[in-house]
Amino acid sequence: MRVAVAGGTGLVGQRVVSALVAAGQDPEILARTTGVDITTGSGLPAALADVQAVIDVSNTTWSRRKDSIAFFEAGTARLLEAGARAGVQHHVILSIVGIDRVDFGYYAGKRRQEELALASGRPVSILRATQFHEFAGQLLDRSAGPIAVLPRMLVQPIAAREVAGGLAELVTGPPVGMAREMAGPERHQFTDLVRAVRTARGSKKLLVTLRVPGAAGKAMAGGALLPTGDGPRGSQTFDEWLAATSSSPAESSDPR
């Protein structure tokens, strides 16, 4: 089966492509580097020719509400429209556990993405997953200077590789609408994860943990980003992932 992967050059996208190849599928990468811009639709009709399914793991670094909504609204609408014209039989979206319980700007865009997909009448599956093990290192990388300010969050992280495998498996089945939430095997305070990554790197960066202001911060600190029901669970713990990535720099890097 030919499967288009929107955001196929990113952290999850590269792993989705690898999982599809391992499963005997034929991935088609949708990214600006391959001549496709899903937010404008440029290059999209040609890229979806002969494609039977789409996995959308596209992402934005914008956390402001209006920017996040604009990105996910434009990309999702154009993917759905082009998919309908191309005869795509399954449209799979990666989303985030708890976005309906935490009113955070970036999450508003993901909620809008889910709304558009579910209301489209197209054959859709949405997989919500918890934060990736990789997120702790990404936050350190994005914190310029000697101090990293961390949000107070209770998380149940999962390896991006395992989420990619879940998406590759989901796309070969029938559309389910909202799939069961996917999460990692253990709960942690996010600060502890960042501290462990800092130690593994030999970094001296000062970590400062603050609760995000308002109701969103209270929800994040109180466990609103944790799964609420049964669902697939990753097997690799954060400590196992960190040990593996510390010995394999290529695995620990962010392809984006």
C-alpha atoms as a PDB file:
ATOM      1  CA  MET A   1       0.000   0.000   0.000  1.00  0.00           C
ATOM      2  CA  ARG A   2       1.239   3.470  -0.862  1.00  0.00           C
ATOM      3  CA  VAL A   3       1.066   5.721   2.205  1.00  0.00           C
ATOM      4  CA  ALA A   4       1.777   9.451   2.177  1.00  0.00           C
ATOM      5  CA  VAL A   5       3.433  10.778   5.358  1.00  0.00           C
ATOM      6  CA  ALA A   6       2.857  14.486   5.993  1.00  0.00           C
ATOM      7  CA  GLY A   7       5.802  15.717   8.024  1.00  0.00           C
ATOM      8  CA  GLY A   8       7.808  12.672   7.006  1.00  0.00           C
ATOM      9  CA  THR A   9      11.165  14.339   7.643  1.00  0.00           C
ATOM     10  CA  GLY A  10      10.481  15.208  11.314  1.00  0.00           C
ATOM     11  CA  LEU A  11      11.089  13.429  14.597  1.00  0.00           C
ATOM     12  CA  VAL A  12       8.086  11.115  14.318  1.00  0.00           C
ATOM     13  CA  GLY A  13       7.806  11.264  10.550  1.00  0.00           C
ATOM     14  CA  GLN A  14      11.166   9.643   9.869  1.00  0.00           C
ATOM     15  CA  ARG A  15      10.281   6.861  12.265  1.00  0.00           C
ATOM     16  CA  VAL A  16       6.882   6.404  10.618  1.00  0.00           C
ATOM     17  CA  VAL A  17       8.570   6.076   7.228  1.00  0.00           C
ATOM     18  CA  SER A  18      10.941   3.436   8.637  1.00  0.00           C
ATOM     19  CA  ALA A  19       8.045   1.537  10.251  1.00  0.00           C
ATOM     20  CA  LEU A  20       6.096   1.538   6.980  1.00  0.00           C
ATOM     21  CA  VAL A  21       9.080   0.225   5.037  1.00  0.00           C
ATOM     22  CA  ALA A  22       9.624  -2.511   7.633  1.00  0.00           C
ATOM     23  CA  ALA A  23       5.957  -3.499   7.259  1.00  0.00           C
ATOM     24  CA  GLY A  24       6.269  -3.777   3.491  1.00  0.00           C
ATOM     25  CA  GLN A  25       4.402  -0.545   2.706  1.00  0.00           C
ATOM     26  CA  ASP A  26       5.441   2.130   0.199  1.00  0.00           C
ATOM     27  CA  PRO A  27       5.840   5.566   1.877  1.00  0.00           C
ATOM     28  CA  GLU A  28       5.604   8.894   0.069  1.00  0.00           C
ATOM     29  CA  ILE A  29       7.065  11.815   2.064  1.00  0.00           C
ATOM     30  CA  LEU A  30       5.106  15.078   2.058  1.00  0.00           C
ATOM     31  CA  ALA A  31       7.405  17.915   3.136  1.00  0.00           C
ATOM     32  CA  ARG A  32       8.724  21.186   1.800  1.00  0.00           C
ATOM     33  CA  THR A  33      12.040  19.467   1.086  1.00  0.00           C
ATOM     34  CA  THR A  34      10.210  17.071  -1.261  1.00  0.00           C
ATOM     35  CA  GLY A  35       8.315  19.881  -2.997  1.00  0.00           C
ATOM     36  CA  VAL A  36       5.057  19.675  -1.042  1.00  0.00           C
ATOM     37  CA  ASP A  37       3.602  22.382   1.209  1.00  0.00           C
ATOM     38  CA  ILE A  38       0.449  21.094   2.885  1.00  0.00           C
ATOM     39  CA  THR A  39      -0.522  24.548   4.208  1.00  0.00           C
ATOM     40  CA  THR A  40      -0.762  26.010   0.699  1.00  0.00           C
ATOM     41  CA  GLY A  41      -1.476  22.797  -1.197  1.00  0.00           C
ATOM     42  CA  SER A  42       1.538  23.294  -3.445  1.00  0.00           C
ATOM     43  CA  GLY A  43       2.625  19.973  -4.926  1.00  0.00           C
ATOM     44  CA  LEU A  44      -0.047  18.050  -3.035  1.00  0.00           C
ATOM     45  CA  PRO A  45      -2.238  16.719  -5.896  1.00  0.00           C
ATOM     46  CA  ALA A  46       0.717  15.147  -7.689  1.00  0.00           C
ATOM     47  CA  ALA A  47       2.128  13.694  -4.472  1.00  0.00           C
ATOM     48  CA  LEU A  48      -1.174  11.989  -3.621  1.00  0.00           C
ATOM     49  CA  ALA A  49      -1.548  10.299  -6.997  1.00  0.00           C
ATOM     50  CA  ASP A  50      -1.839   6.532  -6.464  1.00  0.00           C
ATOM     51  CA  VAL A  51      -1.780   7.004  -2.659  1.00  0.00           C
ATOM     52  CA  GLN A  52      -4.219   4.828  -0.706  1.00  0.00           C
ATOM     53  CA  ALA A  53      -3.671   6.312   2.770  1.00  0.00           C
ATOM     54  CA  VAL A  54      -2.261   9.373   4.541  1.00  0.00           C
ATOM     55  CA  ILE A  55      -0.549   9.645   7.934  1.00  0.00           C
ATOM     56  CA  ASP A  56      -0.361  13.241   9.140  1.00  0.00           C
ATOM     57  CA  VAL A  57       2.401  13.900  11.680  1.00  0.00           C
ATOM     58  CA  SER A  58       3.042  17.457  10.497  1.00  0.00           C
ATOM     59  CA  ASN A  59       4.022  19.908  13.201  1.00  0.00           C
ATOM     60  CA  THR A  60       4.739  23.551  13.939  1.00  0.00           C
ATOM     61  CA  THR A  61       6.966  25.276  16.476  1.00  0.00           C
ATOM     62  CA  TRP A  62       4.355  28.006  16.964  1.00  0.00           C
ATOM     63  CA  SER A  63       2.771  27.853  20.423  1.00  0.00           C
ATOM     64  CA  ARG A  64       0.611  30.971  20.075  1.00  0.00           C
ATOM     65  CA  ARG A  65      -3.053  30.060  19.734  1.00  0.00           C
ATOM     66  CA  LYS A  66      -3.821  31.881  16.496  1.00  0.00           C
ATOM     67  CA  ASP A  67      -0.662  30.641  14.777  1.00  0.00           C
ATOM     68  CA  SER A  68      -1.201  27.043  15.847  1.00  0.00           C
ATOM     69  CA  ILE A  69      -4.829  27.085  14.726  1.00  0.00           C
ATOM     70  CA  ALA A  70      -3.885  28.666  11.396  1.00  0.00           C
ATOM     71  CA  PHE A  71      -1.237  26.013  10.700  1.00  0.00           C
ATOM     72  CA  PHE A  72      -3.281  22.940  11.578  1.00  0.00           C
ATOM     73  CA  GLU A  73      -6.466  24.312  10.018  1.00  0.00           C
ATOM     74  CA  ALA A  74      -4.782  25.032   6.682  1.00  0.00           C
ATOM     75  CA  GLY A  75      -2.780  21.816   6.497  1.00  0.00           C
ATOM     76  CA  THR A  76      -5.605  19.535   7.585  1.00  0.00           C
ATOM     77  CA  ALA A  77      -8.182  21.118   5.291  1.00  0.00           C
ATOM     78  CA  ARG A  78      -5.937  20.834   2.250  1.00  0.00           C
ATOM     79  CA  LEU A  79      -4.881  17.264   3.040  1.00  0.00           C
ATOM     80  CA  LEU A  80      -8.511  16.200   3.435  1.00  0.00           C
ATOM     81  CA  GLU A  81      -9.631  17.980   0.264  1.00  0.00           C
ATOM     82  CA  ALA A  82      -6.763  16.649  -1.841  1.00  0.00           C
ATOM     83  CA  GLY A  83      -7.210  13.203  -0.335  1.00  0.00           C
ATOM     84  CA  ALA A  84     -10.881  13.142  -1.272  1.00  0.00           C
ATOM     85  CA  ARG A  85     -10.038  14.062  -4.868  1.00  0.00           C
ATOM     86  CA  ALA A  86      -7.285  11.429  -5.009  1.00  0.00           C
ATOM     87  CA  GLY A  87      -9.479   8.689  -3.535  1.00  0.00           C
ATOM     88  CA  VAL A  88      -7.488   8.267  -0.303  1.00  0.00           C
ATOM     89  CA  GLN A  89      -9.118   5.492   1.715  1.00  0.00           C
ATOM     90  CA  HIS A  90      -7.758   6.225   5.193  1.00  0.00           C
ATOM     91  CA  HIS A  91      -6.568   9.478   6.778  1.00  0.00           C
ATOM     92  CA  VAL A  92      -4.650   8.997  10.052  1.00  0.00           C
ATOM     93  CA  ILE A  93      -3.709  11.890  12.345  1.00  0.00           C
ATOM     94  CA  LEU A  94      -1.336  11.975  15.303  1.00  0.00           C
ATOM     95  CA  SER A  95      -2.673  14.070  18.176  1.00  0.00           C
ATOM     96  CA  ILE A  96      -1.949  14.538  21.888  1.00  0.00           C
ATOM     97  CA  VAL A  97      -3.501  13.048  25.009  1.00  0.00           C
ATOM     98  CA  GLY A  98      -5.262  15.628  27.159  1.00  0.00           C
ATOM     99  CA  ILE A  99      -5.622  18.504  24.688  1.00  0.00           C
ATOM    100  CA  ASP A 100      -9.319  18.752  25.542  1.00  0.00           C
ATOM    101  CA  ARG A 101      -8.449  19.218  29.235  1.00  0.00           C
ATOM    102  CA  VAL A 102      -5.613  21.764  28.920  1.00  0.00           C
ATOM    103  CA  ASP A 103      -6.414  25.126  27.306  1.00  0.00           C
ATOM    104  CA  PHE A 104      -2.936  25.802  25.924  1.00  0.00           C
ATOM    105  CA  GLY A 105      -2.360  27.734  22.698  1.00  0.00           C
ATOM    106  CA  TYR A 106      -0.645  24.942  20.751  1.00  0.00           C
ATOM    107  CA  TYR A 107      -3.294  22.457  21.858  1.00  0.00           C
ATOM    108  CA  ALA A 108      -6.014  24.721  20.439  1.00  0.00           C
ATOM    109  CA  GLY A 109      -4.551  24.064  17.007  1.00  0.00           C
ATOM    110  CA  LYS A 110      -4.555  20.311  17.577  1.00  0.00           C
ATOM    111  CA  ARG A 111      -8.176  20.446  18.740  1.00  0.00           C
ATOM    112  CA  ARG A 112      -9.087  22.317  15.568  1.00  0.00           C
ATOM    113  CA  GLN A 113      -7.275  19.657  13.518  1.00  0.00           C
ATOM    114  CA  GLU A 114      -9.297  16.902  15.183  1.00  0.00           C
ATOM    115  CA  GLU A 115     -12.571  18.809  14.706  1.00  0.00           C
ATOM    116  CA  LEU A 116     -11.982  19.309  10.985  1.00  0.00           C
ATOM    117  CA  ALA A 117     -11.073  15.675  10.433  1.00  0.00           C
ATOM    118  CA  LEU A 118     -13.991  14.206  12.372  1.00  0.00           C
ATOM    119  CA  ALA A 119     -16.501  16.565  10.732  1.00  0.00           C
ATOM    120  CA  SER A 120     -15.202  15.984   7.206  1.00  0.00           C
ATOM    121  CA  GLY A 121     -17.072  12.771   6.511  1.00  0.00           C
ATOM    122  CA  ARG A 122     -13.794  11.252   5.346  1.00  0.00           C
ATOM    123  CA  PRO A 123     -12.440   7.861   6.579  1.00  0.00           C
ATOM    124  CA  VAL A 124     -10.403   9.141   9.534  1.00  0.00           C
ATOM    125  CA  SER A 125      -8.521   7.728  12.522  1.00  0.00           C
ATOM    126  CA  ILE A 126      -6.983   9.937  15.216  1.00  0.00           C
ATOM    127  CA  LEU A 127      -4.337   8.560  17.563  1.00  0.00           C
ATOM    128  CA  ARG A 128      -3.672  10.617  20.662  1.00  0.00           C
ATOM    129  CA  ALA A 129      -0.290   9.909  22.254  1.00  0.00           C
ATOM    130  CA  THR A 130       1.447  11.241  25.339  1.00  0.00           C
ATOM    131  CA  GLN A 131       4.671  13.286  25.320  1.00  0.00           C
ATOM    132  CA  PHE A 132       7.680  11.606  23.744  1.00  0.00           C
ATOM    133  CA  HIS A 133      10.773  10.568  25.665  1.00  0.00           C
ATOM    134  CA  GLU A 134      12.589  12.847  23.217  1.00  0.00           C
ATOM    135  CA  PHE A 135      10.730  15.945  24.457  1.00  0.00           C
ATOM    136  CA  ALA A 136      12.979  16.418  27.503  1.00  0.00           C
ATOM    137  CA  GLY A 137      16.097  16.766  25.358  1.00  0.00           C
ATOM    138  CA  GLN A 138      14.301  18.976  22.847  1.00  0.00           C
ATOM    139  CA  LEU A 139      13.390  21.428  25.580  1.00  0.00           C
ATOM    140  CA  LEU A 140      17.001  21.592  26.735  1.00  0.00           C
ATOM    141  CA  ASP A 141      18.116  22.213  23.157  1.00  0.00           C
ATOM    142  CA  ARG A 142      15.622  25.051  22.725  1.00  0.00           C
ATOM    143  CA  SER A 143      16.627  26.803  25.969  1.00  0.00           C
ATOM    144  CA  ALA A 144      19.281  29.364  25.091  1.00  0.00           C
ATOM    145  CA  GLY A 145      21.767  30.400  27.744  1.00  0.00           C
ATOM    146  CA  PRO A 146      22.656  28.790  31.072  1.00  0.00           C
ATOM    147  CA  ILE A 147      19.086  28.406  32.364  1.00  0.00           C
ATOM    148  CA  ALA A 148      16.220  26.181  31.197  1.00  0.00           C
ATOM    149  CA  VAL A 149      12.723  27.028  32.450  1.00  0.00           C
ATOM    150  CA  LEU A 150      10.563  23.910  32.666  1.00  0.00           C
ATOM    151  CA  PRO A 151       6.786  23.578  32.978  1.00  0.00           C
ATOM    152  CA  ARG A 152       5.514  21.616  35.958  1.00  0.00           C
ATOM    153  CA  MET A 153       3.886  18.580  34.338  1.00  0.00           C
ATOM    154  CA  LEU A 154       2.970  15.050  35.279  1.00  0.00           C
ATOM    155  CA  VAL A 155       3.618  12.919  32.198  1.00  0.00           C
ATOM    156  CA  GLN A 156       3.566   9.325  30.987  1.00  0.00           C
ATOM    157  CA  PRO A 157       6.131   9.522  28.183  1.00  0.00           C
ATOM    158  CA  ILE A 158       6.610   7.147  25.293  1.00  0.00           C
ATOM    159  CA  ALA A 159       9.335   6.627  22.696  1.00  0.00           C
ATOM    160  CA  ALA A 160       8.573   8.316  19.365  1.00  0.00           C
ATOM    161  CA  ARG A 161       9.609   5.076  17.660  1.00  0.00           C
ATOM    162  CA  GLU A 162       6.793   3.181  19.382  1.00  0.00           C
ATOM    163  CA  VAL A 163       4.221   5.814  18.438  1.00  0.00           C
ATOM    164  CA  ALA A 164       5.407   5.596  14.842  1.00  0.00           C
ATOM    165  CA  GLY A 165       4.866   1.855  14.935  1.00  0.00           C
ATOM    166  CA  GLY A 166       1.359   2.385  16.275  1.00  0.00           C
ATOM    167  CA  LEU A 167       0.539   4.764  13.429  1.00  0.00           C
ATOM    168  CA  ALA A 168       1.931   2.368  10.814  1.00  0.00           C
ATOM    169  CA  GLU A 169      -0.244  -0.404  12.234  1.00  0.00           C
ATOM    170  CA  LEU A 170      -3.349   1.791  12.533  1.00  0.00           C
ATOM    171  CA  VAL A 171      -3.210   2.936   8.912  1.00  0.00           C
ATOM    172  CA  THR A 172      -3.518  -0.634   7.577  1.00  0.00           C
ATOM    173  CA  GLY A 173      -6.816  -1.240   9.396  1.00  0.00           C
ATOM    174  CA  PRO A 174     -10.278   0.281   8.994  1.00  0.00           C
ATOM    175  CA  PRO A 175     -10.924   3.885  10.069  1.00  0.00           C
ATOM    176  CA  VAL A 176     -11.966   4.105  13.733  1.00  0.00           C
ATOM    177  CA  GLY A 177     -12.488   7.821  14.371  1.00  0.00           C
ATOM    178  CA  MET A 178     -10.908   8.363  17.776  1.00  0.00           C
ATOM    179  CA  ALA A 179      -8.519   5.497  18.498  1.00  0.00           C
ATOM    180  CA  ARG A 180      -7.619   4.425  22.017  1.00  0.00           C
ATOM    181  CA  GLU A 181      -4.995   6.663  23.601  1.00  0.00           C
ATOM    182  CA  MET A 182      -1.363   5.563  23.419  1.00  0.00           C
ATOM    183  CA  ALA A 183       1.034   6.170  26.309  1.00  0.00           C
ATOM    184  CA  GLY A 184       4.286   5.042  27.843  1.00  0.00           C
ATOM    185  CA  PRO A 185       4.731   2.482  30.622  1.00  0.00           C
ATOM    186  CA  GLU A 186       5.511   4.856  33.530  1.00  0.00           C
ATOM    187  CA  ARG A 187       4.507   8.207  35.019  1.00  0.00           C
ATOM    188  CA  HIS A 188       7.097  10.870  35.805  1.00  0.00           C
ATOM    189  CA  GLN A 189       7.481  14.477  36.806  1.00  0.00           C
ATOM    190  CA  PHE A 190       8.744  16.162  33.662  1.00  0.00           C
ATOM    191  CA  THR A 191      11.508  17.976  35.535  1.00  0.00           C
ATOM    192  CA  ASP A 192      13.008  14.634  36.568  1.00  0.00           C
ATOM    193  CA  LEU A 193      13.264  13.593  32.920  1.00  0.00           C
ATOM    194  CA  VAL A 194      15.021  16.789  31.893  1.00  0.00           C
ATOM    195  CA  ARG A 195      17.381  16.447  34.846  1.00  0.00           C
ATOM    196  CA  ALA A 196      18.273  12.905  33.744  1.00  0.00           C
ATOM    197  CA  VAL A 197      18.989  14.072  30.183  1.00  0.00           C
ATOM    198  CA  ARG A 198      21.110  16.940  31.495  1.00  0.00           C
ATOM    199  CA  THR A 199      23.156  14.517  33.580  1.00  0.00           C
ATOM    200  CA  ALA A 200      23.604  12.117  30.662  1.00  0.00           C
ATOM    201  CA  ARG A 201      24.905  14.979  28.520  1.00  0.00           C
ATOM    202  CA  GLY A 202      27.212  16.306  31.206  1.00  0.00           C
ATOM    203  CA  SER A 203      25.473  19.674  31.019  1.00  0.00           C
ATOM    204  CA  LYS A 204      25.668  22.259  33.808  1.00  0.00           C
ATOM    205  CA  LYS A 205      22.546  24.135  32.733  1.00  0.00           C
ATOM    206  CA  LEU A 206      20.423  25.367  35.633  1.00  0.00           C
ATOM    207  CA  LEU A 207      16.891  23.963  35.638  1.00  0.00           C
ATOM    208  CA  VAL A 208      14.048  26.106  36.951  1.00  0.00           C
ATOM    209  CA  THR A 209      10.592  24.538  37.241  1.00  0.00           C
ATOM    210  CA  LEU A 210       7.559  26.821  37.159  1.00  0.00           C
ATOM    211  CA  ARG A 211       3.876  26.099  36.924  1.00  0.00           C
ATOM    212  CA  VAL A 212       2.327  27.497  33.751  1.00  0.00           C
ATOM    213  CA  PRO A 213      -0.007  30.335  34.839  1.00  0.00           C
ATOM    214  CA  GLY A 214      -3.748  29.847  35.086  1.00  0.00           C
ATOM    215  CA  ALA A 215      -6.028  26.879  34.679  1.00  0.00           C
ATOM    216  CA  ALA A 216      -3.851  25.304  31.972  1.00  0.00           C
ATOM    217  CA  GLY A 217      -0.856  25.131  34.281  1.00  0.00           C
ATOM    218  CA  LYS A 218      -2.922  23.701  37.127  1.00  0.00           C
ATOM    219  CA  ALA A 219      -4.274  21.023  34.794  1.00  0.00           C
ATOM    220  CA  MET A 220      -0.839  20.098  33.432  1.00  0.00           C
ATOM    221  CA  ALA A 221       0.624  19.813  36.930  1.00  0.00           C
ATOM    222  CA  GLY A 222      -2.354  17.789  38.117  1.00  0.00           C
ATOM    223  CA  GLY A 223      -2.181  15.043  35.493  1.00  0.00           C
ATOM    224  CA  ALA A 224      -4.513  16.278  32.743  1.00  0.00           C
ATOM    225  CA  LEU A 225      -1.999  15.073  30.124  1.00  0.00           C
ATOM    226  CA  LEU A 226      -2.227  11.473  31.321  1.00  0.00           C
ATOM    227  CA  PRO A 227      -4.400   8.855  29.571  1.00  0.00           C
ATOM    228  CA  THR A 228      -7.810   8.299  31.134  1.00  0.00           C
ATOM    229  CA  GLY A 229      -8.616   4.820  29.825  1.00  0.00           C
ATOM    230  CA  ASP A 230      -7.160   1.604  28.523  1.00  0.00           C
ATOM    231  CA  GLY A 231      -5.138   1.693  25.343  1.00  0.00           C
ATOM    232  CA  PRO A 232      -1.856   0.604  23.774  1.00  0.00           C
ATOM    233  CA  ARG A 233       1.175   1.158  25.994  1.00  0.00           C
ATOM    234  CA  GLY A 234       4.794   1.438  24.964  1.00  0.00           C
ATOM    235  CA  SER A 235       7.246  -1.027  26.473  1.00  0.00           C
ATOM    236  CA  GLN A 236      10.438   1.072  26.560  1.00  0.00           C
ATOM    237  CA  THR A 237      10.860   3.029  29.793  1.00  0.00           C
ATOM    238  CA  PHE A 238      12.427   6.466  29.832  1.00  0.00           C
ATOM    239  CA  ASP A 239      15.550   5.141  31.561  1.00  0.00           C
ATOM    240  CA  GLU A 240      15.944   2.411  28.930  1.00  0.00           C
ATOM    241  CA  TRP A 241      15.448   4.932  26.147  1.00  0.00           C
ATOM    242  CA  LEU A 242      17.973   7.339  27.667  1.00  0.00           C
ATOM    243  CA  ALA A 243      20.580   4.597  28.056  1.00  0.00           C
ATOM    244  CA  ALA A 244      20.083   3.564  24.427  1.00  0.00           C
ATOM    245  CA  THR A 245      20.206   7.103  23.040  1.00  0.00           C
ATOM    246  CA  SER A 246      23.236   8.041  25.134  1.00  0.00           C
ATOM    247  CA  SER A 247      25.155   5.269  23.407  1.00  0.00           C
ATOM    248  CA  SER A 248      23.700   6.083  19.969  1.00  0.00           C
ATOM    249  CA  PRO A 249      23.868   9.818  19.121  1.00  0.00           C
ATOM    250  CA  ALA A 250      22.057   9.353  15.796  1.00  0.00           C
ATOM    251  CA  GLU A 251      19.019   7.917  17.576  1.00  0.00           C
ATOM    252  CA  SER A 252      18.878  10.722  20.124  1.00  0.00           C
ATOM    253  CA  SER A 253      19.052  13.598  17.647  1.00  0.00           C
ATOM    254  CA  ASP A 254      16.009  15.464  16.398  1.00  0.00           C
ATOM    255  CA  PRO A 255      15.852  15.109  12.575  1.00  0.00           C
ATOM    256  CA  ARG A 256      13.889  18.340  12.286  1.00  0.00           C
END
